[in-house]
Amino acid sequence: SSSSCPAGGKPAAAAGPVDPEKEARLKAAKEECTKLYREPLYLEDDLEYVTGEFRWSHRKIINVSANQVFRGLADSDDKPHGWGLMQHHNGISQDNAAWMHGVPCGKGLFRDPDGGVFYGVWKDGKRHGNGCSINNQGHMFLELYDDGKLLSKTKWKIDKEHLVCAHCRTRYIEKTNKLECRYHPDKPNWEDRYACCGAMTKVNPQGCAVDYHRTTPRPEPSG
């Protein structure tokens, strides 16, 4: 006799009713997130940084604390104000289009030490609205936040667009590749201190210099 069972021996589950409103929201989220990771978060010479809120900000490199450095626009109190990248010595980094006196706002990108990334929008220092994450295995998820609270996380697809940096192992898009891959030009000496900057390996393992992400290994440091 004929059977409708799949290879596993169990009847195929009937497809549930399609929710048009939910499907529309999902489509919009995919379109928004695709644009977030394919396009630059900001253009440093954009008019919005010359006029309006950020017109008095200046380009600076700031040692925010003993273990983090900021590169970008900052106010007179040396607080991030405008576009900029905050990097921690432990491998965490946050790049935002509109820091507001030290608080991340606007479109942004968060990287974790394990190679995972999150693209989204920040409001008053918290994730807000649609975003997407990519884990270190290349699985992509759509995420929805409300004032920092994760409302939903949906499996999306396997990432086939990002490259993996041979040095820092983070994922990046070649079109938006920028100076953010940290490294030490010199090897540590006998006391585990880098001659290039004087930092101990346990304090700043990431690096004191920056380069573009690359898919080929960087030449071995001297020393």
C-alpha atoms as a PDB file:
ATOM      1  CA  SER A   1       0.000   0.000   0.000  1.00  0.00           C
ATOM      2  CA  SER A   2       1.112   3.588  -0.569  1.00  0.00           C
ATOM      3  CA  SER A   3       2.436   5.678   2.292  1.00  0.00           C
ATOM      4  CA  SER A   4       2.800   9.424   2.856  1.00  0.00           C
ATOM      5  CA  CYS A   5       5.511   8.970   5.479  1.00  0.00           C
ATOM      6  CA  PRO A   6       8.942  10.525   4.842  1.00  0.00           C
ATOM      7  CA  ALA A   7      12.162   8.500   5.091  1.00  0.00           C
ATOM      8  CA  GLY A   8      12.172   8.811   8.875  1.00  0.00           C
ATOM      9  CA  GLY A   9       8.901   6.866   9.111  1.00  0.00           C
ATOM     10  CA  LYS A  10       6.839   9.703  10.643  1.00  0.00           C
ATOM     11  CA  PRO A  11       3.973  11.494   8.912  1.00  0.00           C
ATOM     12  CA  ALA A  12       4.951  14.885   7.490  1.00  0.00           C
ATOM     13  CA  ALA A  13       3.717  17.743   9.655  1.00  0.00           C
ATOM     14  CA  ALA A  14       1.044  19.865   8.052  1.00  0.00           C
ATOM     15  CA  ALA A  15       2.123  23.416   7.313  1.00  0.00           C
ATOM     16  CA  GLY A  16       0.542  25.933   9.654  1.00  0.00           C
ATOM     17  CA  PRO A  17      -1.397  28.958   8.452  1.00  0.00           C
ATOM     18  CA  VAL A  18       0.723  31.809   7.101  1.00  0.00           C
ATOM     19  CA  ASP A  19       0.551  35.045   9.080  1.00  0.00           C
ATOM     20  CA  PRO A  20       0.833  37.825   6.451  1.00  0.00           C
ATOM     21  CA  GLU A  21       1.676  40.460   9.053  1.00  0.00           C
ATOM     22  CA  LYS A  22       4.461  38.344  10.537  1.00  0.00           C
ATOM     23  CA  GLU A  23       5.840  37.523   7.094  1.00  0.00           C
ATOM     24  CA  ALA A  24       5.889  41.224   6.206  1.00  0.00           C
ATOM     25  CA  ARG A  25       7.778  42.082   9.417  1.00  0.00           C
ATOM     26  CA  LEU A  26      10.286  39.303   8.726  1.00  0.00           C
ATOM     27  CA  LYS A  27      10.855  40.501   5.173  1.00  0.00           C
ATOM     28  CA  ALA A  28      11.389  44.076   6.354  1.00  0.00           C
ATOM     29  CA  ALA A  29      13.826  42.898   9.042  1.00  0.00           C
ATOM     30  CA  LYS A  30      15.856  40.929   6.485  1.00  0.00           C
ATOM     31  CA  GLU A  31      16.053  43.922   4.158  1.00  0.00           C
ATOM     32  CA  GLU A  32      17.086  46.266   6.976  1.00  0.00           C
ATOM     33  CA  CYS A  33      19.726  43.887   8.328  1.00  0.00           C
ATOM     34  CA  THR A  34      21.149  43.116   4.895  1.00  0.00           C
ATOM     35  CA  LYS A  35      21.705  46.823   4.343  1.00  0.00           C
ATOM     36  CA  LEU A  36      23.284  47.128   7.805  1.00  0.00           C
ATOM     37  CA  TYR A  37      26.037  44.633   7.123  1.00  0.00           C
ATOM     38  CA  ARG A  38      26.597  45.343   3.417  1.00  0.00           C
ATOM     39  CA  GLU A  39      26.910  49.121   3.644  1.00  0.00           C
ATOM     40  CA  PRO A  40      29.300  51.292   5.713  1.00  0.00           C
ATOM     41  CA  LEU A  41      27.883  52.261   9.101  1.00  0.00           C
ATOM     42  CA  TYR A  42      28.907  55.849   8.410  1.00  0.00           C
ATOM     43  CA  LEU A  43      31.075  58.035   6.192  1.00  0.00           C
ATOM     44  CA  GLU A  44      33.584  60.027   8.212  1.00  0.00           C
ATOM     45  CA  ASP A  45      33.286  63.094   5.970  1.00  0.00           C
ATOM     46  CA  ASP A  46      29.485  63.044   5.849  1.00  0.00           C
ATOM     47  CA  LEU A  47      27.750  66.408   6.193  1.00  0.00           C
ATOM     48  CA  GLU A  48      26.035  65.360   9.418  1.00  0.00           C
ATOM     49  CA  TYR A  49      29.429  65.439  11.184  1.00  0.00           C
ATOM     50  CA  VAL A  50      30.219  68.927   9.892  1.00  0.00           C
ATOM     51  CA  THR A  51      26.937  70.574  10.852  1.00  0.00           C
ATOM     52  CA  GLY A  52      24.449  70.092  13.646  1.00  0.00           C
ATOM     53  CA  GLU A  53      25.066  68.076  16.809  1.00  0.00           C
ATOM     54  CA  PHE A  54      28.621  66.976  16.033  1.00  0.00           C
ATOM     55  CA  ARG A  55      30.044  70.130  14.435  1.00  0.00           C
ATOM     56  CA  TRP A  56      32.290  70.908  17.435  1.00  0.00           C
ATOM     57  CA  SER A  57      33.661  67.384  17.766  1.00  0.00           C
ATOM     58  CA  HIS A  58      37.276  66.655  16.826  1.00  0.00           C
ATOM     59  CA  ARG A  59      39.082  63.520  15.615  1.00  0.00           C
ATOM     60  CA  LYS A  60      40.943  61.997  18.511  1.00  0.00           C
ATOM     61  CA  ILE A  61      42.613  58.840  19.782  1.00  0.00           C
ATOM     62  CA  ILE A  62      41.700  58.516  23.449  1.00  0.00           C
ATOM     63  CA  ASN A  63      42.862  56.064  26.080  1.00  0.00           C
ATOM     64  CA  VAL A  64      39.494  55.790  27.789  1.00  0.00           C
ATOM     65  CA  SER A  65      40.903  53.505  30.481  1.00  0.00           C
ATOM     66  CA  ALA A  66      43.850  51.188  31.046  1.00  0.00           C
ATOM     67  CA  ASN A  67      42.258  48.557  28.818  1.00  0.00           C
ATOM     68  CA  GLN A  68      40.320  50.405  26.112  1.00  0.00           C
ATOM     69  CA  VAL A  69      41.001  52.951  23.411  1.00  0.00           C
ATOM     70  CA  PHE A  70      38.662  55.077  21.272  1.00  0.00           C
ATOM     71  CA  ARG A  71      39.339  56.373  17.761  1.00  0.00           C
ATOM     72  CA  GLY A  72      36.875  58.842  16.291  1.00  0.00           C
ATOM     73  CA  LEU A  73      35.075  62.096  17.017  1.00  0.00           C
ATOM     74  CA  ALA A  74      35.024  63.306  20.617  1.00  0.00           C
ATOM     75  CA  ASP A  75      33.761  66.321  22.543  1.00  0.00           C
ATOM     76  CA  SER A  76      35.767  68.792  24.623  1.00  0.00           C
ATOM     77  CA  ASP A  77      35.665  66.379  27.581  1.00  0.00           C
ATOM     78  CA  ASP A  78      37.224  63.613  25.448  1.00  0.00           C
ATOM     79  CA  LYS A  79      33.995  61.645  25.388  1.00  0.00           C
ATOM     80  CA  PRO A  80      33.023  59.908  22.128  1.00  0.00           C
ATOM     81  CA  HIS A  81      30.643  62.206  20.255  1.00  0.00           C
ATOM     82  CA  GLY A  82      29.900  61.363  16.610  1.00  0.00           C
ATOM     83  CA  TRP A  83      31.331  58.421  14.661  1.00  0.00           C
ATOM     84  CA  GLY A  84      33.929  56.221  16.271  1.00  0.00           C
ATOM     85  CA  LEU A  85      35.318  52.849  17.276  1.00  0.00           C
ATOM     86  CA  MET A  86      35.821  51.727  20.881  1.00  0.00           C
ATOM     87  CA  GLN A  87      38.203  48.778  21.291  1.00  0.00           C
ATOM     88  CA  HIS A  88      38.941  46.793  24.436  1.00  0.00           C
ATOM     89  CA  HIS A  89      42.200  44.932  24.981  1.00  0.00           C
ATOM     90  CA  ASN A  90      40.225  41.698  25.523  1.00  0.00           C
ATOM     91  CA  GLY A  91      38.980  41.703  21.912  1.00  0.00           C
ATOM     92  CA  ILE A  92      35.584  43.365  22.343  1.00  0.00           C
ATOM     93  CA  SER A  93      34.899  46.343  20.076  1.00  0.00           C
ATOM     94  CA  GLN A  94      31.988  48.633  19.302  1.00  0.00           C
ATOM     95  CA  ASP A  95      31.735  50.857  16.238  1.00  0.00           C
ATOM     96  CA  ASN A  96      28.879  53.384  16.148  1.00  0.00           C
ATOM     97  CA  ALA A  97      27.721  56.131  13.833  1.00  0.00           C
ATOM     98  CA  ALA A  98      26.479  58.561  16.481  1.00  0.00           C
ATOM     99  CA  TRP A  99      28.037  58.342  19.927  1.00  0.00           C
ATOM    100  CA  MET A 100      26.428  60.909  22.232  1.00  0.00           C
ATOM    101  CA  HIS A 101      28.856  62.204  24.877  1.00  0.00           C
ATOM    102  CA  GLY A 102      30.232  58.709  25.540  1.00  0.00           C
ATOM    103  CA  VAL A 103      27.033  56.736  24.954  1.00  0.00           C
ATOM    104  CA  PRO A 104      26.738  54.510  21.841  1.00  0.00           C
ATOM    105  CA  CYS A 105      23.828  55.515  19.588  1.00  0.00           C
ATOM    106  CA  GLY A 106      22.727  55.055  15.995  1.00  0.00           C
ATOM    107  CA  LYS A 107      23.777  52.293  13.629  1.00  0.00           C
ATOM    108  CA  GLY A 108      26.535  50.125  15.004  1.00  0.00           C
ATOM    109  CA  LEU A 109      28.596  46.970  14.998  1.00  0.00           C
ATOM    110  CA  PHE A 110      29.615  44.954  18.066  1.00  0.00           C
ATOM    111  CA  ARG A 111      32.369  42.325  17.919  1.00  0.00           C
ATOM    112  CA  ASP A 112      33.089  39.736  20.622  1.00  0.00           C
ATOM    113  CA  PRO A 113      36.445  38.018  21.322  1.00  0.00           C
ATOM    114  CA  ASP A 114      35.237  34.698  19.865  1.00  0.00           C
ATOM    115  CA  GLY A 115      34.658  36.113  16.372  1.00  0.00           C
ATOM    116  CA  GLY A 116      30.926  36.760  16.668  1.00  0.00           C
ATOM    117  CA  VAL A 117      29.450  40.010  15.385  1.00  0.00           C
ATOM    118  CA  PHE A 118      26.196  41.925  15.822  1.00  0.00           C
ATOM    119  CA  TYR A 119      24.854  44.604  13.474  1.00  0.00           C
ATOM    120  CA  GLY A 120      22.051  46.828  14.714  1.00  0.00           C
ATOM    121  CA  VAL A 121      20.910  50.168  16.084  1.00  0.00           C
ATOM    122  CA  TRP A 122      21.601  51.581  19.537  1.00  0.00           C
ATOM    123  CA  LYS A 123      19.382  54.023  21.404  1.00  0.00           C
ATOM    124  CA  ASP A 124      20.714  55.650  24.583  1.00  0.00           C
ATOM    125  CA  GLY A 125      23.374  52.948  24.866  1.00  0.00           C
ATOM    126  CA  LYS A 126      21.005  50.007  24.346  1.00  0.00           C
ATOM    127  CA  ARG A 127      20.192  47.822  21.363  1.00  0.00           C
ATOM    128  CA  HIS A 128      16.876  48.864  19.864  1.00  0.00           C
ATOM    129  CA  GLY A 129      14.893  47.625  16.875  1.00  0.00           C
ATOM    130  CA  ASN A 130      16.022  45.126  14.244  1.00  0.00           C
ATOM    131  CA  GLY A 131      19.510  43.651  14.179  1.00  0.00           C
ATOM    132  CA  CYS A 132      21.365  40.546  13.088  1.00  0.00           C
ATOM    133  CA  SER A 133      24.068  38.452  14.675  1.00  0.00           C
ATOM    134  CA  ILE A 134      26.611  36.024  13.232  1.00  0.00           C
ATOM    135  CA  ASN A 135      28.217  33.454  15.507  1.00  0.00           C
ATOM    136  CA  ASN A 136      31.739  32.119  15.065  1.00  0.00           C
ATOM    137  CA  GLN A 137      30.369  29.193  13.050  1.00  0.00           C
ATOM    138  CA  GLY A 138      28.779  31.494  10.478  1.00  0.00           C
ATOM    139  CA  HIS A 139      25.142  31.053  11.487  1.00  0.00           C
ATOM    140  CA  MET A 140      23.096  34.242  11.107  1.00  0.00           C
ATOM    141  CA  PHE A 141      20.137  35.229  13.267  1.00  0.00           C
ATOM    142  CA  LEU A 142      17.581  38.022  13.083  1.00  0.00           C
ATOM    143  CA  GLU A 143      17.145  39.732  16.442  1.00  0.00           C
ATOM    144  CA  LEU A 144      14.571  42.248  17.656  1.00  0.00           C
ATOM    145  CA  TYR A 145      15.213  44.489  20.658  1.00  0.00           C
ATOM    146  CA  ASP A 146      13.189  46.977  22.649  1.00  0.00           C
ATOM    147  CA  ASP A 147      15.245  49.321  24.807  1.00  0.00           C
ATOM    148  CA  GLY A 148      17.949  46.694  25.315  1.00  0.00           C
ATOM    149  CA  LYS A 149      15.582  43.765  25.869  1.00  0.00           C
ATOM    150  CA  LEU A 150      15.775  40.902  23.368  1.00  0.00           C
ATOM    151  CA  LEU A 151      12.236  40.213  22.149  1.00  0.00           C
ATOM    152  CA  SER A 152      12.956  37.573  19.519  1.00  0.00           C
ATOM    153  CA  LYS A 153      15.815  35.683  17.872  1.00  0.00           C
ATOM    154  CA  THR A 154      15.107  33.867  14.594  1.00  0.00           C
ATOM    155  CA  LYS A 155      17.388  31.610  12.560  1.00  0.00           C
ATOM    156  CA  TRP A 156      18.106  33.287   9.239  1.00  0.00           C
ATOM    157  CA  LYS A 157      20.805  31.739   7.054  1.00  0.00           C
ATOM    158  CA  ILE A 158      24.411  30.576   6.769  1.00  0.00           C
ATOM    159  CA  ASP A 159      26.719  33.525   6.179  1.00  0.00           C
ATOM    160  CA  LYS A 160      28.431  33.371   2.778  1.00  0.00           C
ATOM    161  CA  GLU A 161      29.376  37.031   2.388  1.00  0.00           C
ATOM    162  CA  HIS A 162      31.771  37.770   5.232  1.00  0.00           C
ATOM    163  CA  LEU A 163      35.457  36.913   5.162  1.00  0.00           C
ATOM    164  CA  VAL A 164      37.379  35.746   8.231  1.00  0.00           C
ATOM    165  CA  CYS A 165      40.466  37.734   9.204  1.00  0.00           C
ATOM    166  CA  ALA A 166      43.551  35.512   9.347  1.00  0.00           C
ATOM    167  CA  HIS A 167      44.917  37.518  12.275  1.00  0.00           C
ATOM    168  CA  CYS A 168      42.074  38.423  14.656  1.00  0.00           C
ATOM    169  CA  ARG A 169      39.578  35.813  13.373  1.00  0.00           C
ATOM    170  CA  THR A 170      36.704  38.291  13.186  1.00  0.00           C
ATOM    171  CA  ARG A 171      34.260  38.386  10.271  1.00  0.00           C
ATOM    172  CA  TYR A 172      34.269  41.354   7.935  1.00  0.00           C
ATOM    173  CA  ILE A 173      32.970  42.574   4.577  1.00  0.00           C
ATOM    174  CA  GLU A 174      35.688  43.596   2.113  1.00  0.00           C
ATOM    175  CA  LYS A 175      33.651  46.605   0.954  1.00  0.00           C
ATOM    176  CA  THR A 176      33.579  48.029   4.480  1.00  0.00           C
ATOM    177  CA  ASN A 177      37.039  46.814   5.603  1.00  0.00           C
ATOM    178  CA  LYS A 178      38.765  49.445   7.731  1.00  0.00           C
ATOM    179  CA  LEU A 179      41.706  50.011  10.058  1.00  0.00           C
ATOM    180  CA  GLU A 180      40.547  48.055  13.100  1.00  0.00           C
ATOM    181  CA  CYS A 181      42.567  44.808  13.153  1.00  0.00           C
ATOM    182  CA  ARG A 182      44.964  45.228  16.071  1.00  0.00           C
ATOM    183  CA  TYR A 183      48.417  43.688  16.299  1.00  0.00           C
ATOM    184  CA  HIS A 184      51.853  44.152  17.908  1.00  0.00           C
ATOM    185  CA  PRO A 185      54.718  44.910  15.485  1.00  0.00           C
ATOM    186  CA  ASP A 186      57.161  43.237  17.908  1.00  0.00           C
ATOM    187  CA  LYS A 187      57.192  39.938  19.746  1.00  0.00           C
ATOM    188  CA  PRO A 188      57.072  39.928  23.562  1.00  0.00           C
ATOM    189  CA  ASN A 189      60.452  39.785  25.319  1.00  0.00           C
ATOM    190  CA  TRP A 190      61.663  37.536  28.145  1.00  0.00           C
ATOM    191  CA  GLU A 191      59.354  39.211  30.672  1.00  0.00           C
ATOM    192  CA  ASP A 192      56.289  38.967  28.394  1.00  0.00           C
ATOM    193  CA  ARG A 193      56.407  42.659  27.530  1.00  0.00           C
ATOM    194  CA  TYR A 194      56.023  44.015  23.981  1.00  0.00           C
ATOM    195  CA  ALA A 195      58.960  46.202  22.974  1.00  0.00           C
ATOM    196  CA  CYS A 196      56.766  48.173  20.568  1.00  0.00           C
ATOM    197  CA  CYS A 197      54.546  49.667  23.277  1.00  0.00           C
ATOM    198  CA  GLY A 198      55.772  48.356  26.626  1.00  0.00           C
ATOM    199  CA  ALA A 199      52.512  46.568  27.398  1.00  0.00           C
ATOM    200  CA  MET A 200      52.484  43.200  29.140  1.00  0.00           C
ATOM    201  CA  THR A 201      50.951  40.358  27.128  1.00  0.00           C
ATOM    202  CA  LYS A 202      48.289  39.764  29.784  1.00  0.00           C
ATOM    203  CA  VAL A 203      47.283  43.444  29.743  1.00  0.00           C
ATOM    204  CA  ASN A 204      47.087  44.111  25.992  1.00  0.00           C
ATOM    205  CA  PRO A 205      47.148  40.892  23.958  1.00  0.00           C
ATOM    206  CA  GLN A 206      45.294  42.518  21.029  1.00  0.00           C
ATOM    207  CA  GLY A 207      47.934  44.971  19.851  1.00  0.00           C
ATOM    208  CA  CYS A 208      49.070  48.587  19.832  1.00  0.00           C
ATOM    209  CA  ALA A 209      48.913  49.076  16.044  1.00  0.00           C
ATOM    210  CA  VAL A 210      46.002  48.740  13.607  1.00  0.00           C
ATOM    211  CA  ASP A 211      45.742  47.404  10.087  1.00  0.00           C
ATOM    212  CA  TYR A 212      43.037  46.302   7.656  1.00  0.00           C
ATOM    213  CA  HIS A 213      41.561  42.834   8.117  1.00  0.00           C
ATOM    214  CA  ARG A 214      43.138  40.294   5.783  1.00  0.00           C
ATOM    215  CA  THR A 215      42.622  36.698   4.711  1.00  0.00           C
ATOM    216  CA  THR A 216      46.364  35.956   4.533  1.00  0.00           C
ATOM    217  CA  PRO A 217      48.573  35.807   7.660  1.00  0.00           C
ATOM    218  CA  ARG A 218      50.477  38.955   8.556  1.00  0.00           C
ATOM    219  CA  PRO A 219      54.300  38.619   8.463  1.00  0.00           C
ATOM    220  CA  GLU A 220      55.801  37.436  11.749  1.00  0.00           C
ATOM    221  CA  PRO A 221      56.661  40.334  14.081  1.00  0.00           C
ATOM    222  CA  SER A 222      60.292  41.211  14.708  1.00  0.00           C
ATOM    223  CA  GLY A 223      62.091  40.846  17.998  1.00  0.00           C
END
